[in-house]
N, C-alpha and C. Protein backbone atom coordinates (compact mmCIF):
# COMPACT_ATOMS: atom_id res chain seq x y z
N MET A 1 -65.43 -75.45 -133.46
CA MET A 1 -65.16 -75.03 -131.96
C MET A 1 -66.36 -73.96 -131.87
N PRO A 2 -67.18 -74.09 -130.70
CA PRO A 2 -68.25 -73.15 -130.46
C PRO A 2 -67.73 -71.76 -130.08
N LYS A 3 -68.44 -70.74 -130.26
CA LYS A 3 -67.93 -69.36 -129.91
C LYS A 3 -68.37 -69.26 -128.45
N ARG A 4 -67.36 -68.55 -127.70
CA ARG A 4 -67.61 -68.15 -126.34
C ARG A 4 -68.34 -66.81 -126.06
N SER A 5 -69.13 -66.74 -125.25
CA SER A 5 -69.67 -65.35 -124.95
C SER A 5 -68.54 -64.34 -124.40
N ARG A 6 -69.03 -63.24 -124.52
CA ARG A 6 -68.07 -62.16 -123.88
C ARG A 6 -67.82 -62.31 -122.40
N LEU A 7 -68.79 -62.74 -121.68
CA LEU A 7 -68.68 -63.05 -120.26
C LEU A 7 -67.71 -64.26 -120.06
N GLY A 8 -67.79 -65.37 -120.84
CA GLY A 8 -66.91 -66.46 -120.80
C GLY A 8 -65.49 -66.31 -121.02
N GLN A 9 -65.29 -65.24 -121.99
CA GLN A 9 -63.87 -64.84 -122.23
C GLN A 9 -63.39 -63.95 -121.07
N LEU A 10 -64.19 -63.08 -120.68
CA LEU A 10 -63.58 -62.26 -119.39
C LEU A 10 -63.36 -63.05 -118.23
N ALA A 11 -64.17 -64.12 -118.04
CA ALA A 11 -63.91 -65.02 -116.79
C ALA A 11 -62.59 -65.72 -117.14
N GLY A 12 -62.30 -66.17 -118.38
CA GLY A 12 -61.09 -66.97 -118.69
C GLY A 12 -59.99 -65.95 -118.58
N LEU A 13 -60.07 -64.72 -118.93
CA LEU A 13 -58.76 -63.81 -118.70
C LEU A 13 -58.59 -63.56 -117.23
N ILE A 14 -59.69 -63.50 -116.56
CA ILE A 14 -59.45 -63.19 -114.93
C ILE A 14 -58.77 -64.53 -114.32
N ALA A 15 -59.29 -65.64 -114.70
CA ALA A 15 -58.66 -66.93 -114.14
C ALA A 15 -57.24 -67.08 -114.46
N ALA A 16 -56.96 -66.87 -115.71
CA ALA A 16 -55.58 -66.95 -116.20
C ALA A 16 -54.65 -65.96 -115.37
N GLY A 17 -55.26 -64.67 -115.31
CA GLY A 17 -54.44 -63.70 -114.47
C GLY A 17 -54.25 -64.13 -113.16
N LEU A 18 -55.32 -64.74 -112.61
CA LEU A 18 -55.02 -65.09 -111.07
C LEU A 18 -54.00 -66.35 -111.02
N VAL A 19 -54.03 -67.25 -111.95
CA VAL A 19 -53.19 -68.42 -112.01
C VAL A 19 -51.67 -67.75 -112.14
N VAL A 20 -51.46 -66.83 -112.94
CA VAL A 20 -50.16 -66.26 -113.26
C VAL A 20 -49.64 -65.47 -112.18
N CYS A 21 -50.48 -64.59 -111.55
CA CYS A 21 -49.94 -63.58 -110.51
C CYS A 21 -50.03 -64.10 -109.22
N ALA A 22 -50.64 -65.26 -108.84
CA ALA A 22 -50.84 -65.65 -107.45
C ALA A 22 -49.53 -66.16 -107.00
N PRO A 23 -48.84 -67.01 -107.72
CA PRO A 23 -47.35 -67.38 -107.20
C PRO A 23 -46.43 -66.18 -106.90
N VAL A 24 -46.63 -65.20 -107.73
CA VAL A 24 -45.65 -63.89 -107.51
C VAL A 24 -46.03 -63.23 -106.27
N ALA A 25 -47.33 -63.10 -105.98
CA ALA A 25 -47.78 -62.51 -104.84
C ALA A 25 -47.54 -63.28 -103.46
N GLN A 26 -47.56 -64.46 -103.51
CA GLN A 26 -47.24 -65.32 -102.48
C GLN A 26 -45.69 -65.42 -102.22
N ALA A 27 -44.90 -65.28 -103.18
CA ALA A 27 -43.43 -65.29 -103.02
C ALA A 27 -42.87 -64.16 -102.36
N ALA A 28 -43.37 -62.97 -102.52
CA ALA A 28 -42.88 -61.84 -102.07
C ALA A 28 -43.14 -61.62 -100.46
N PRO A 29 -42.12 -61.75 -99.56
CA PRO A 29 -42.49 -61.53 -98.28
C PRO A 29 -42.77 -60.10 -97.78
N VAL A 30 -43.61 -60.03 -96.90
CA VAL A 30 -44.08 -58.72 -96.34
C VAL A 30 -42.91 -58.06 -95.57
N THR A 31 -42.01 -58.71 -94.96
CA THR A 31 -40.94 -58.06 -94.28
C THR A 31 -39.96 -57.31 -95.29
N ALA A 32 -39.88 -57.54 -96.39
CA ALA A 32 -38.85 -56.96 -97.30
C ALA A 32 -39.21 -55.56 -97.67
N LEU A 33 -40.39 -54.94 -97.57
CA LEU A 33 -40.72 -53.51 -97.77
C LEU A 33 -40.06 -52.64 -96.64
N PRO A 34 -40.28 -52.69 -95.35
CA PRO A 34 -39.50 -51.97 -94.52
C PRO A 34 -37.99 -51.95 -94.56
N ALA A 35 -37.47 -53.01 -95.05
CA ALA A 35 -36.01 -53.10 -95.08
C ALA A 35 -35.51 -52.16 -96.27
N ALA A 36 -36.21 -52.15 -97.39
CA ALA A 36 -35.97 -51.31 -98.62
C ALA A 36 -36.19 -49.86 -98.09
N SER A 37 -37.07 -49.46 -97.35
CA SER A 37 -37.34 -48.23 -96.98
C SER A 37 -36.28 -47.75 -96.12
N SER A 38 -35.61 -48.46 -95.24
CA SER A 38 -34.61 -48.21 -94.42
C SER A 38 -33.34 -47.86 -95.32
N VAL A 39 -33.06 -48.59 -96.24
CA VAL A 39 -31.97 -48.47 -97.31
C VAL A 39 -32.09 -47.11 -97.91
N ILE A 40 -33.34 -46.88 -98.37
CA ILE A 40 -33.47 -45.56 -98.97
C ILE A 40 -33.15 -44.40 -97.98
N THR A 41 -33.73 -44.46 -96.96
CA THR A 41 -33.47 -43.43 -95.89
C THR A 41 -32.02 -43.17 -95.72
N GLN A 42 -31.23 -44.20 -95.53
CA GLN A 42 -29.74 -44.26 -95.48
C GLN A 42 -29.19 -43.62 -96.62
N ALA A 43 -29.41 -43.99 -97.91
CA ALA A 43 -28.91 -43.44 -98.96
C ALA A 43 -29.10 -41.91 -99.17
N ALA A 44 -30.34 -41.58 -98.68
CA ALA A 44 -30.67 -40.07 -98.77
C ALA A 44 -29.78 -39.24 -97.76
N ALA A 45 -29.53 -39.94 -96.57
CA ALA A 45 -28.53 -39.22 -95.57
C ALA A 45 -27.11 -39.11 -96.02
N VAL A 46 -26.65 -40.01 -96.83
CA VAL A 46 -25.43 -39.96 -97.25
C VAL A 46 -25.13 -38.85 -98.43
N HIS A 47 -26.00 -38.91 -99.26
CA HIS A 47 -25.89 -37.97 -100.33
C HIS A 47 -26.69 -36.64 -100.10
N GLU A 48 -25.89 -35.78 -99.41
CA GLU A 48 -26.52 -34.26 -99.18
C GLU A 48 -26.52 -33.39 -100.28
N VAL A 49 -27.47 -32.69 -100.35
CA VAL A 49 -27.74 -31.66 -101.41
C VAL A 49 -26.77 -30.55 -101.12
N PRO A 50 -25.95 -30.12 -102.01
CA PRO A 50 -24.97 -28.99 -101.76
C PRO A 50 -25.90 -27.49 -101.54
N SER A 51 -25.18 -26.95 -100.52
CA SER A 51 -25.96 -25.84 -100.05
C SER A 51 -25.99 -24.49 -100.96
N GLN A 52 -24.90 -24.55 -101.94
CA GLN A 52 -24.87 -23.49 -102.92
C GLN A 52 -24.86 -24.02 -104.47
N ALA A 53 -25.64 -23.39 -105.18
CA ALA A 53 -25.80 -24.00 -106.66
C ALA A 53 -24.65 -23.54 -107.29
N GLN A 54 -24.20 -24.52 -108.22
CA GLN A 54 -23.07 -24.44 -109.00
C GLN A 54 -23.25 -23.14 -109.94
N PRO A 55 -22.25 -22.51 -110.18
CA PRO A 55 -22.38 -21.31 -111.14
C PRO A 55 -22.67 -21.85 -112.53
N GLY A 56 -23.38 -21.00 -113.25
CA GLY A 56 -23.71 -21.34 -114.70
C GLY A 56 -22.59 -20.80 -115.57
N PRO A 57 -22.76 -20.91 -116.87
CA PRO A 57 -21.85 -20.37 -117.78
C PRO A 57 -21.74 -18.95 -117.87
N VAL A 58 -20.65 -18.36 -118.09
CA VAL A 58 -20.19 -16.98 -118.05
C VAL A 58 -20.48 -16.48 -119.58
N LEU A 59 -21.45 -15.53 -119.67
CA LEU A 59 -21.70 -15.05 -120.98
C LEU A 59 -21.16 -13.52 -121.18
N ASP A 60 -20.40 -13.55 -122.33
CA ASP A 60 -19.59 -12.15 -122.71
C ASP A 60 -20.56 -11.40 -123.41
N PRO A 61 -21.07 -10.18 -123.02
CA PRO A 61 -21.87 -9.30 -123.61
C PRO A 61 -21.57 -8.86 -125.17
N ALA A 62 -20.17 -8.86 -125.38
CA ALA A 62 -19.78 -8.83 -126.72
C ALA A 62 -20.03 -9.85 -127.70
N GLU A 63 -20.01 -10.96 -127.13
CA GLU A 63 -20.47 -12.11 -128.05
C GLU A 63 -21.85 -12.22 -128.17
N THR A 64 -22.55 -11.97 -127.22
CA THR A 64 -24.04 -11.92 -127.19
C THR A 64 -24.38 -10.82 -128.28
N ASP A 65 -23.93 -9.77 -128.26
CA ASP A 65 -24.31 -8.60 -129.33
C ASP A 65 -23.97 -9.03 -130.66
N LYS A 66 -22.74 -9.66 -130.66
CA LYS A 66 -22.36 -10.14 -132.06
C LYS A 66 -23.28 -11.15 -132.61
N ALA A 67 -23.73 -12.15 -131.84
CA ALA A 67 -24.69 -13.13 -132.29
C ALA A 67 -26.05 -12.59 -132.66
N ASN A 68 -26.45 -11.60 -131.88
CA ASN A 68 -27.79 -11.07 -131.98
C ASN A 68 -27.75 -10.22 -133.43
N SER A 69 -26.68 -9.45 -133.60
CA SER A 69 -26.46 -8.78 -135.06
C SER A 69 -26.41 -9.69 -136.19
N GLN A 70 -25.65 -10.85 -135.99
CA GLN A 70 -25.59 -11.94 -137.11
C GLN A 70 -26.96 -12.46 -137.26
N GLU A 71 -27.66 -12.74 -136.27
CA GLU A 71 -29.16 -13.31 -136.53
C GLU A 71 -30.15 -12.28 -137.12
N THR A 72 -29.93 -11.01 -136.85
CA THR A 72 -30.69 -10.09 -137.41
C THR A 72 -30.40 -9.85 -138.90
N LYS A 73 -28.95 -10.07 -139.33
CA LYS A 73 -28.62 -9.95 -140.65
C LYS A 73 -29.26 -11.19 -141.53
N ASN A 74 -29.16 -12.36 -140.82
CA ASN A 74 -29.73 -13.44 -141.43
C ASN A 74 -31.22 -13.40 -141.86
N LYS A 75 -31.83 -12.68 -140.85
CA LYS A 75 -33.54 -12.58 -141.02
C LYS A 75 -33.61 -11.65 -142.01
N VAL A 76 -32.84 -10.58 -142.15
CA VAL A 76 -33.10 -9.49 -143.21
C VAL A 76 -32.73 -10.05 -144.71
N ILE A 77 -31.72 -10.96 -144.74
CA ILE A 77 -31.43 -11.58 -146.00
C ILE A 77 -32.57 -12.54 -146.36
N ALA A 78 -33.12 -13.35 -145.46
CA ALA A 78 -34.17 -14.12 -145.85
C ALA A 78 -35.46 -13.46 -146.16
N GLY A 79 -35.75 -12.38 -145.43
CA GLY A 79 -36.80 -11.59 -145.85
C GLY A 79 -36.80 -10.95 -147.29
N ILE A 80 -35.74 -10.42 -147.65
CA ILE A 80 -35.45 -10.09 -148.88
C ILE A 80 -35.57 -11.05 -150.11
N ALA A 81 -35.11 -12.25 -149.67
CA ALA A 81 -35.06 -13.39 -150.63
C ALA A 81 -36.74 -13.96 -150.71
N ALA A 82 -37.34 -13.77 -149.71
CA ALA A 82 -38.82 -14.10 -149.83
C ALA A 82 -39.56 -13.14 -150.53
N ALA A 83 -39.25 -11.79 -150.36
CA ALA A 83 -40.00 -10.74 -151.13
C ALA A 83 -39.56 -10.98 -152.78
N VAL A 84 -38.33 -11.16 -153.09
CA VAL A 84 -38.01 -11.40 -154.61
C VAL A 84 -38.70 -12.58 -155.15
N LEU A 85 -38.73 -13.68 -154.28
CA LEU A 85 -39.55 -14.90 -154.93
C LEU A 85 -40.93 -14.59 -155.10
N LEU A 86 -41.50 -13.95 -153.99
CA LEU A 86 -42.88 -13.50 -154.09
C LEU A 86 -43.19 -12.67 -155.46
N GLY A 87 -42.17 -11.61 -155.72
CA GLY A 87 -42.39 -10.76 -156.81
C GLY A 87 -42.31 -11.62 -158.15
N LEU A 88 -41.45 -12.72 -158.11
CA LEU A 88 -41.26 -13.52 -159.38
C LEU A 88 -42.67 -14.35 -159.68
N VAL A 89 -43.08 -14.77 -158.63
CA VAL A 89 -44.45 -15.47 -158.69
C VAL A 89 -45.57 -14.54 -159.08
N ILE A 90 -45.70 -13.37 -158.50
CA ILE A 90 -46.65 -12.36 -159.19
C ILE A 90 -46.49 -12.06 -160.55
N LEU A 91 -45.33 -11.82 -160.81
CA LEU A 91 -45.03 -11.48 -162.37
C LEU A 91 -45.30 -12.72 -163.26
N GLY A 92 -44.92 -14.04 -162.77
CA GLY A 92 -45.31 -15.04 -163.51
C GLY A 92 -46.86 -15.21 -163.81
N ARG A 93 -47.37 -15.12 -162.80
CA ARG A 93 -49.03 -15.31 -162.81
C ARG A 93 -49.63 -14.20 -163.81
N ARG A 94 -48.95 -13.11 -163.54
CA ARG A 94 -49.59 -12.00 -164.37
C ARG A 94 -49.36 -12.16 -165.86
N SER A 95 -48.30 -12.63 -166.18
CA SER A 95 -47.90 -12.91 -167.47
C SER A 95 -48.60 -14.19 -168.10
N ARG A 96 -48.84 -15.22 -167.38
CA ARG A 96 -49.52 -16.27 -167.79
C ARG A 96 -51.21 -15.89 -167.97
N SER A 97 -51.57 -15.04 -167.05
CA SER A 97 -53.03 -14.38 -167.37
C SER A 97 -53.18 -13.67 -168.50
N LYS A 98 -52.23 -12.84 -168.76
CA LYS A 98 -52.23 -12.07 -170.14
C LYS A 98 -52.15 -13.08 -171.30
N LYS A 99 -51.26 -14.05 -171.26
CA LYS A 99 -51.17 -15.11 -172.54
C LYS A 99 -52.58 -15.72 -172.49
N LYS A 100 -53.25 -16.29 -171.44
CA LYS A 100 -54.36 -16.87 -171.50
C LYS A 100 -55.51 -16.00 -172.18
N LYS A 101 -55.58 -14.64 -171.88
CA LYS A 101 -56.56 -13.79 -172.46
C LYS A 101 -56.63 -13.61 -173.88
N SER A 102 -55.28 -13.56 -174.39
CA SER A 102 -55.03 -13.25 -175.81
C SER A 102 -55.07 -14.39 -176.66
């Protein structure tokens, strides 16, 4: 089978697209579009937007302060654990370097 040129492949794709899309374009009546827009307009008129926004959740300041203090406590614990692990790594490297020198 001979190879087609790029231009021949492009022409074939365009022709195939026209064959597939042409019946769909002919089947859609032009008068269907204004009818759809009138339905959308009627739907928008039926569903009015409320004039006042719904109230949000009520936040208790005591619960907020408690949550903030708990979060701060967790961060302090994580910081101390990270410092301890860093100290262990430094001590381990120092001891390995001393063994390596001797």
